[in-house]
Amino acid sequence: MIRSALTAAAFLALSAPAFATTFTFETAEPVEDGQVVAIGTVWLCEGTVCKGDLDRKKASVRDCKKIAKKAGVIVSYGNENSELEADDIESCKKSAR
């Protein structure tokens, strides 16, 4: 019992980022499959809003563009401490699939 608990704890430690911040993006159209896989993260989506954990603290246009290639037009992207500005979102939209 203790061994399986330790194994589970070790697995979680290896699979989770050292520090994870929850990011949210919103798409112009609902996400069909309920999830998007981009930048090494599975983003879980409800309608147009998707959430996922990343091992960074700041939203970046680069990450937004990578997500847009998989998810389509992004209308907002960020976390509770870092949100992309309107001009950055416009730049991100150019990468949409």
C-alpha atoms as a PDB file:
ATOM      1  CA  MET A   1       0.000   0.000   0.000  1.00  0.00           C
ATOM      2  CA  ILE A   2       2.748   2.446   0.925  1.00  0.00           C
ATOM      3  CA  ARG A   3       4.744   1.469  -2.151  1.00  0.00           C
ATOM      4  CA  SER A   4       1.821   2.150  -4.525  1.00  0.00           C
ATOM      5  CA  ALA A   5       1.204   5.508  -2.836  1.00  0.00           C
ATOM      6  CA  LEU A   6       4.862   6.413  -3.309  1.00  0.00           C
ATOM      7  CA  THR A   7       4.754   5.276  -6.928  1.00  0.00           C
ATOM      8  CA  ALA A   8       1.680   7.430  -7.562  1.00  0.00           C
ATOM      9  CA  ALA A   9       3.322  10.413  -5.870  1.00  0.00           C
ATOM     10  CA  ALA A  10       6.484   9.951  -7.961  1.00  0.00           C
ATOM     11  CA  PHE A  11       4.430   9.761 -11.169  1.00  0.00           C
ATOM     12  CA  LEU A  12       2.583  12.964 -10.312  1.00  0.00           C
ATOM     13  CA  ALA A  13       5.833  14.725  -9.508  1.00  0.00           C
ATOM     14  CA  LEU A  14       7.310  13.722 -12.864  1.00  0.00           C
ATOM     15  CA  SER A  15       4.228  14.551 -14.933  1.00  0.00           C
ATOM     16  CA  ALA A  16       3.382  17.919 -13.397  1.00  0.00           C
ATOM     17  CA  PRO A  17       5.432  21.050 -14.059  1.00  0.00           C
ATOM     18  CA  ALA A  18       7.572  22.248 -11.161  1.00  0.00           C
ATOM     19  CA  PHE A  19       5.327  25.265 -10.898  1.00  0.00           C
ATOM     20  CA  ALA A  20       2.107  25.240 -12.863  1.00  0.00           C
ATOM     21  CA  THR A  21       0.000  28.246 -13.664  1.00  0.00           C
ATOM     22  CA  THR A  22      -3.498  27.844 -15.060  1.00  0.00           C
ATOM     23  CA  PHE A  23      -3.951  29.685 -18.329  1.00  0.00           C
ATOM     24  CA  THR A  24      -7.209  30.334 -20.153  1.00  0.00           C
ATOM     25  CA  PHE A  25      -7.892  31.127 -23.763  1.00  0.00           C
ATOM     26  CA  GLU A  26     -11.135  31.871 -25.534  1.00  0.00           C
ATOM     27  CA  THR A  27     -11.832  31.053 -29.152  1.00  0.00           C
ATOM     28  CA  ALA A  28     -14.157  32.793 -31.591  1.00  0.00           C
ATOM     29  CA  GLU A  29     -15.965  29.494 -32.283  1.00  0.00           C
ATOM     30  CA  PRO A  30     -16.712  26.594 -29.900  1.00  0.00           C
ATOM     31  CA  VAL A  31     -14.008  23.909 -29.739  1.00  0.00           C
ATOM     32  CA  GLU A  32     -15.464  20.792 -31.355  1.00  0.00           C
ATOM     33  CA  ASP A  33     -13.663  18.004 -29.499  1.00  0.00           C
ATOM     34  CA  GLY A  34     -13.732  19.595 -26.053  1.00  0.00           C
ATOM     35  CA  GLN A  35      -9.957  19.721 -25.938  1.00  0.00           C
ATOM     36  CA  VAL A  36      -6.925  21.105 -27.730  1.00  0.00           C
ATOM     37  CA  VAL A  37      -3.396  19.752 -27.484  1.00  0.00           C
ATOM     38  CA  ALA A  38      -0.835  22.521 -27.913  1.00  0.00           C
ATOM     39  CA  ILE A  39       2.533  23.505 -26.418  1.00  0.00           C
ATOM     40  CA  GLY A  40       2.759  20.241 -24.500  1.00  0.00           C
ATOM     41  CA  THR A  41      -0.546  20.781 -22.699  1.00  0.00           C
ATOM     42  CA  VAL A  42      -4.000  19.266 -22.995  1.00  0.00           C
ATOM     43  CA  TRP A  43      -6.407  22.206 -22.843  1.00  0.00           C
ATOM     44  CA  LEU A  44      -9.872  21.225 -21.637  1.00  0.00           C
ATOM     45  CA  CYS A  45     -12.620  23.268 -23.251  1.00  0.00           C
ATOM     46  CA  GLU A  46     -16.236  24.080 -22.578  1.00  0.00           C
ATOM     47  CA  GLY A  47     -17.682  25.848 -25.578  1.00  0.00           C
ATOM     48  CA  THR A  48     -15.246  28.626 -26.434  1.00  0.00           C
ATOM     49  CA  VAL A  49     -13.302  28.688 -23.134  1.00  0.00           C
ATOM     50  CA  CYS A  50     -10.279  26.418 -22.635  1.00  0.00           C
ATOM     51  CA  LYS A  51      -8.015  25.957 -19.601  1.00  0.00           C
ATOM     52  CA  GLY A  52      -4.656  24.305 -19.140  1.00  0.00           C
ATOM     53  CA  ASP A  53      -1.595  24.387 -16.899  1.00  0.00           C
ATOM     54  CA  LEU A  54       1.757  25.668 -18.121  1.00  0.00           C
ATOM     55  CA  ASP A  55       5.152  25.874 -16.452  1.00  0.00           C
ATOM     56  CA  ARG A  56       5.394  29.636 -16.957  1.00  0.00           C
ATOM     57  CA  LYS A  57       3.901  32.652 -15.295  1.00  0.00           C
ATOM     58  CA  LYS A  58       3.477  35.104 -18.173  1.00  0.00           C
ATOM     59  CA  ALA A  59       1.255  34.960 -21.253  1.00  0.00           C
ATOM     60  CA  SER A  60       3.181  35.249 -24.519  1.00  0.00           C
ATOM     61  CA  VAL A  61       2.222  35.946 -28.110  1.00  0.00           C
ATOM     62  CA  ARG A  62       4.418  33.009 -29.144  1.00  0.00           C
ATOM     63  CA  ASP A  63       2.355  30.561 -27.065  1.00  0.00           C
ATOM     64  CA  CYS A  64      -0.881  32.149 -28.265  1.00  0.00           C
ATOM     65  CA  LYS A  65       0.158  31.643 -31.895  1.00  0.00           C
ATOM     66  CA  LYS A  66       0.977  27.976 -31.257  1.00  0.00           C
ATOM     67  CA  ILE A  67      -2.445  27.468 -29.674  1.00  0.00           C
ATOM     68  CA  ALA A  68      -4.187  29.328 -32.511  1.00  0.00           C
ATOM     69  CA  LYS A  69      -2.645  26.941 -35.045  1.00  0.00           C
ATOM     70  CA  LYS A  70      -4.520  24.121 -33.307  1.00  0.00           C
ATOM     71  CA  ALA A  71      -7.641  25.833 -31.931  1.00  0.00           C
ATOM     72  CA  GLY A  72      -8.491  28.569 -34.420  1.00  0.00           C
ATOM     73  CA  VAL A  73      -9.046  32.269 -33.778  1.00  0.00           C
ATOM     74  CA  ILE A  74      -8.127  33.254 -30.212  1.00  0.00           C
ATOM     75  CA  VAL A  75      -9.966  36.248 -28.739  1.00  0.00           C
ATOM     76  CA  SER A  76      -8.260  36.240 -25.316  1.00  0.00           C
ATOM     77  CA  TYR A  77      -5.325  34.490 -23.662  1.00  0.00           C
ATOM     78  CA  GLY A  78      -3.692  34.710 -20.272  1.00  0.00           C
ATOM     79  CA  ASN A  79      -3.913  33.912 -16.583  1.00  0.00           C
ATOM     80  CA  GLU A  80      -4.941  35.802 -13.459  1.00  0.00           C
ATOM     81  CA  ASN A  81      -1.684  37.806 -13.480  1.00  0.00           C
ATOM     82  CA  SER A  82      -0.854  38.165 -17.183  1.00  0.00           C
ATOM     83  CA  GLU A  83      -3.258  38.803 -20.061  1.00  0.00           C
ATOM     84  CA  LEU A  84      -2.366  39.584 -23.678  1.00  0.00           C
ATOM     85  CA  GLU A  85      -3.260  43.074 -24.845  1.00  0.00           C
ATOM     86  CA  ALA A  86      -5.540  43.706 -27.856  1.00  0.00           C
ATOM     87  CA  ASP A  87      -2.640  44.285 -30.304  1.00  0.00           C
ATOM     88  CA  ASP A  88      -1.005  41.013 -29.185  1.00  0.00           C
ATOM     89  CA  ILE A  89      -4.299  39.156 -29.699  1.00  0.00           C
ATOM     90  CA  GLU A  90      -4.515  40.617 -33.223  1.00  0.00           C
ATOM     91  CA  SER A  91      -1.016  39.295 -33.922  1.00  0.00           C
ATOM     92  CA  CYS A  92      -2.048  35.909 -32.541  1.00  0.00           C
ATOM     93  CA  LYS A  93      -5.138  35.761 -34.777  1.00  0.00           C
ATOM     94  CA  LYS A  94      -2.914  35.756 -37.861  1.00  0.00           C
ATOM     95  CA  SER A  95      -1.712  32.256 -36.917  1.00  0.00           C
ATOM     96  CA  ALA A  96      -5.193  30.726 -36.611  1.00  0.00           C
ATOM     97  CA  ARG A  97      -5.852  27.518 -38.537  1.00  0.00           C
END
